[in-house]
Amino acid sequence: QVQLVESGGGSVQAGGSLRLSCAASGRASRNYDRGWFRQAPGKEREFVAAISWSGGSTSYADSVKGRFTISRDNAKNTVYLQMNSLKAEDTAVYYCAARWGLTTTRNEYTDWGQGTQVTVPS
């Protein structure tokens, strides 16, 4: 099992930037592929971005492509989500997730963090 802790959320004006971090701990956690998801009030949790354990493969939702960048530092066992040009519709709780095998499918992830709130006032 992998323990995940997100940080870096907050409130930012439209057009601004935030960087989320997800620190992992647990057996073999550095070898896990990782994903970011988000859930807005009244909506289902949706895929945002994913990165392979090596960092060599990434995937993005169309809604964030060109604005968000996922990266990882395996020496720190941490995955990042750099979010630029933020919009009101990016407002949500952002969750980090981990599993063996890169996927964009929410239900295939086995370990989840507690989430961090991102608010972009309209």
C-alpha atoms as a PDB file:
ATOM      1  CA  GLN A   1       0.000   0.000   0.000  1.00  0.00           C
ATOM      2  CA  VAL A   2       1.107   3.533  -0.813  1.00  0.00           C
ATOM      3  CA  GLN A   3       0.389   6.544   1.363  1.00  0.00           C
ATOM      4  CA  LEU A   4      -0.151   9.784  -0.539  1.00  0.00           C
ATOM      5  CA  VAL A   5      -0.271  13.342   0.805  1.00  0.00           C
ATOM      6  CA  GLU A   6      -1.215  16.278  -1.411  1.00  0.00           C
ATOM      7  CA  SER A   7      -0.288  19.902  -0.777  1.00  0.00           C
ATOM      8  CA  GLY A   8      -0.130  23.218  -2.578  1.00  0.00           C
ATOM      9  CA  GLY A   9      -3.791  23.982  -3.055  1.00  0.00           C
ATOM     10  CA  GLY A  10      -5.284  27.401  -2.469  1.00  0.00           C
ATOM     11  CA  SER A  11      -7.193  30.263  -4.023  1.00  0.00           C
ATOM     12  CA  VAL A  12      -5.812  32.045  -7.073  1.00  0.00           C
ATOM     13  CA  GLN A  13      -7.220  34.552  -9.536  1.00  0.00           C
ATOM     14  CA  ALA A  14      -8.112  33.474 -13.033  1.00  0.00           C
ATOM     15  CA  GLY A  15      -5.024  33.376 -15.210  1.00  0.00           C
ATOM     16  CA  GLY A  16      -2.788  32.590 -12.250  1.00  0.00           C
ATOM     17  CA  SER A  17      -0.728  29.520 -11.411  1.00  0.00           C
ATOM     18  CA  LEU A  18      -0.426  26.925  -8.669  1.00  0.00           C
ATOM     19  CA  ARG A  19       1.804  23.905  -8.175  1.00  0.00           C
ATOM     20  CA  LEU A  20       0.408  20.881  -6.400  1.00  0.00           C
ATOM     21  CA  SER A  21       2.656  18.279  -4.802  1.00  0.00           C
ATOM     22  CA  CYS A  22       1.953  14.674  -3.919  1.00  0.00           C
ATOM     23  CA  ALA A  23       4.411  12.995  -1.583  1.00  0.00           C
ATOM     24  CA  ALA A  24       4.365   9.217  -1.397  1.00  0.00           C
ATOM     25  CA  SER A  25       5.563   6.735   1.160  1.00  0.00           C
ATOM     26  CA  GLY A  26       5.321   2.996   1.511  1.00  0.00           C
ATOM     27  CA  ARG A  27       6.844  -0.117   0.080  1.00  0.00           C
ATOM     28  CA  ALA A  28       7.990   0.271  -3.556  1.00  0.00           C
ATOM     29  CA  SER A  29       6.096   3.551  -3.875  1.00  0.00           C
ATOM     30  CA  ARG A  30       8.727   4.951  -6.233  1.00  0.00           C
ATOM     31  CA  ASN A  31       7.774   2.291  -8.765  1.00  0.00           C
ATOM     32  CA  TYR A  32       4.132   3.258  -8.934  1.00  0.00           C
ATOM     33  CA  ASP A  33       2.556   5.122 -11.806  1.00  0.00           C
ATOM     34  CA  ARG A  34       0.701   8.193 -10.588  1.00  0.00           C
ATOM     35  CA  GLY A  35      -2.304  10.242 -11.538  1.00  0.00           C
ATOM     36  CA  TRP A  36      -4.091  13.453 -10.651  1.00  0.00           C
ATOM     37  CA  PHE A  37      -7.878  13.629 -10.555  1.00  0.00           C
ATOM     38  CA  ARG A  38     -10.270  16.363  -9.530  1.00  0.00           C
ATOM     39  CA  GLN A  39     -13.802  16.582  -8.236  1.00  0.00           C
ATOM     40  CA  ALA A  40     -15.949  19.687  -8.391  1.00  0.00           C
ATOM     41  CA  PRO A  41     -19.083  20.060  -6.229  1.00  0.00           C
ATOM     42  CA  GLY A  42     -21.908  17.939  -7.583  1.00  0.00           C
ATOM     43  CA  LYS A  43     -19.726  16.296 -10.219  1.00  0.00           C
ATOM     44  CA  GLU A  44     -17.927  12.994 -10.574  1.00  0.00           C
ATOM     45  CA  ARG A  45     -14.216  12.689  -9.985  1.00  0.00           C
ATOM     46  CA  GLU A  46     -12.463  13.162 -13.326  1.00  0.00           C
ATOM     47  CA  PHE A  47      -9.049  12.422 -14.748  1.00  0.00           C
ATOM     48  CA  VAL A  48      -6.587  15.329 -15.042  1.00  0.00           C
ATOM     49  CA  ALA A  49      -3.120  13.918 -15.740  1.00  0.00           C
ATOM     50  CA  ALA A  50      -0.979  10.818 -15.270  1.00  0.00           C
ATOM     51  CA  ILE A  51       2.703   9.959 -15.345  1.00  0.00           C
ATOM     52  CA  SER A  52       4.565   6.673 -15.533  1.00  0.00           C
ATOM     53  CA  TRP A  53       6.926   5.575 -12.762  1.00  0.00           C
ATOM     54  CA  SER A  54       9.946   6.588 -14.851  1.00  0.00           C
ATOM     55  CA  GLY A  55       8.446   9.900 -15.924  1.00  0.00           C
ATOM     56  CA  GLY A  56       8.862   8.891 -19.539  1.00  0.00           C
ATOM     57  CA  SER A  57       5.146   8.762 -20.364  1.00  0.00           C
ATOM     58  CA  THR A  58       2.458  11.285 -19.550  1.00  0.00           C
ATOM     59  CA  SER A  59      -1.208  11.734 -20.360  1.00  0.00           C
ATOM     60  CA  TYR A  60      -3.553  14.708 -19.990  1.00  0.00           C
ATOM     61  CA  ALA A  61      -7.240  15.430 -20.127  1.00  0.00           C
ATOM     62  CA  ASP A  62      -8.152  17.599 -23.109  1.00  0.00           C
ATOM     63  CA  SER A  63      -9.460  20.296 -20.773  1.00  0.00           C
ATOM     64  CA  VAL A  64      -6.011  20.884 -19.240  1.00  0.00           C
ATOM     65  CA  LYS A  65      -3.715  20.074 -22.143  1.00  0.00           C
ATOM     66  CA  GLY A  66      -1.279  22.937 -22.765  1.00  0.00           C
ATOM     67  CA  ARG A  67      -1.994  24.515 -19.365  1.00  0.00           C
ATOM     68  CA  PHE A  68      -1.072  21.800 -16.830  1.00  0.00           C
ATOM     69  CA  THR A  69       2.163  19.835 -16.587  1.00  0.00           C
ATOM     70  CA  ILE A  70       2.702  16.671 -14.545  1.00  0.00           C
ATOM     71  CA  SER A  71       6.202  15.738 -13.446  1.00  0.00           C
ATOM     72  CA  ARG A  72       7.920  13.674 -10.801  1.00  0.00           C
ATOM     73  CA  ASP A  73      11.080  13.609  -8.723  1.00  0.00           C
ATOM     74  CA  ASN A  74      11.712  10.014  -7.733  1.00  0.00           C
ATOM     75  CA  ALA A  75      14.569  11.020  -5.440  1.00  0.00           C
ATOM     76  CA  LYS A  76      11.941  12.851  -3.375  1.00  0.00           C
ATOM     77  CA  ASN A  77       9.201  10.342  -4.157  1.00  0.00           C
ATOM     78  CA  THR A  78       6.994  13.262  -5.156  1.00  0.00           C
ATOM     79  CA  VAL A  79       4.775  14.022  -8.134  1.00  0.00           C
ATOM     80  CA  TYR A  80       3.882  17.583  -9.115  1.00  0.00           C
ATOM     81  CA  LEU A  81       1.085  19.213 -11.057  1.00  0.00           C
ATOM     82  CA  GLN A  82       1.999  22.645 -12.398  1.00  0.00           C
ATOM     83  CA  MET A  83      -1.211  24.473 -13.245  1.00  0.00           C
ATOM     84  CA  ASN A  84      -1.002  27.629 -15.369  1.00  0.00           C
ATOM     85  CA  SER A  85      -3.643  29.880 -16.916  1.00  0.00           C
ATOM     86  CA  LEU A  86      -6.156  28.726 -14.317  1.00  0.00           C
ATOM     87  CA  LYS A  87      -9.845  29.147 -15.020  1.00  0.00           C
ATOM     88  CA  ALA A  88     -12.923  29.206 -12.800  1.00  0.00           C
ATOM     89  CA  GLU A  89     -13.849  25.764 -14.127  1.00  0.00           C
ATOM     90  CA  ASP A  90     -10.627  24.354 -12.676  1.00  0.00           C
ATOM     91  CA  THR A  91     -12.091  24.855  -9.189  1.00  0.00           C
ATOM     92  CA  ALA A  92     -12.209  21.444  -7.492  1.00  0.00           C
ATOM     93  CA  VAL A  93     -10.644  19.194  -4.913  1.00  0.00           C
ATOM     94  CA  TYR A  94      -7.555  17.666  -6.516  1.00  0.00           C
ATOM     95  CA  TYR A  95      -6.577  14.110  -5.625  1.00  0.00           C
ATOM     96  CA  CYS A  96      -3.365  12.214  -6.184  1.00  0.00           C
ATOM     97  CA  ALA A  97      -3.552   8.487  -6.939  1.00  0.00           C
ATOM     98  CA  ALA A  98      -1.167   5.591  -7.495  1.00  0.00           C
ATOM     99  CA  ARG A  99      -1.189   2.163  -9.112  1.00  0.00           C
ATOM    100  CA  TRP A 100       0.903  -0.288 -11.079  1.00  0.00           C
ATOM    101  CA  GLY A 101       0.450   0.539 -14.758  1.00  0.00           C
ATOM    102  CA  LEU A 102      -0.296   3.876 -16.381  1.00  0.00           C
ATOM    103  CA  THR A 103      -3.991   4.534 -16.863  1.00  0.00           C
ATOM    104  CA  THR A 104      -6.462   7.381 -17.069  1.00  0.00           C
ATOM    105  CA  THR A 105      -9.290   5.326 -15.572  1.00  0.00           C
ATOM    106  CA  ARG A 106     -10.302   6.383 -12.067  1.00  0.00           C
ATOM    107  CA  ASN A 107     -11.499   3.004 -10.855  1.00  0.00           C
ATOM    108  CA  GLU A 108      -8.204   1.325 -11.710  1.00  0.00           C
ATOM    109  CA  TYR A 109      -6.253   3.336  -9.154  1.00  0.00           C
ATOM    110  CA  THR A 110      -5.646   1.538  -5.877  1.00  0.00           C
ATOM    111  CA  ASP A 111      -4.319   4.241  -3.567  1.00  0.00           C
ATOM    112  CA  TRP A 112      -5.562   7.793  -3.037  1.00  0.00           C
ATOM    113  CA  GLY A 113      -4.586  10.897  -1.119  1.00  0.00           C
ATOM    114  CA  GLN A 114      -6.970  13.012   0.939  1.00  0.00           C
ATOM    115  CA  GLY A 115      -7.200  15.805  -1.621  1.00  0.00           C
ATOM    116  CA  THR A 116      -6.346  19.498  -1.729  1.00  0.00           C
ATOM    117  CA  GLN A 117      -8.742  22.315  -2.603  1.00  0.00           C
ATOM    118  CA  VAL A 118      -8.075  24.585  -5.582  1.00  0.00           C
ATOM    119  CA  THR A 119     -10.333  27.605  -5.971  1.00  0.00           C
ATOM    120  CA  VAL A 120     -10.347  29.997  -8.905  1.00  0.00           C
ATOM    121  CA  PRO A 121     -13.014  32.658  -8.261  1.00  0.00           C
ATOM    122  CA  SER A 122     -15.155  33.578 -11.240  1.00  0.00           C
END
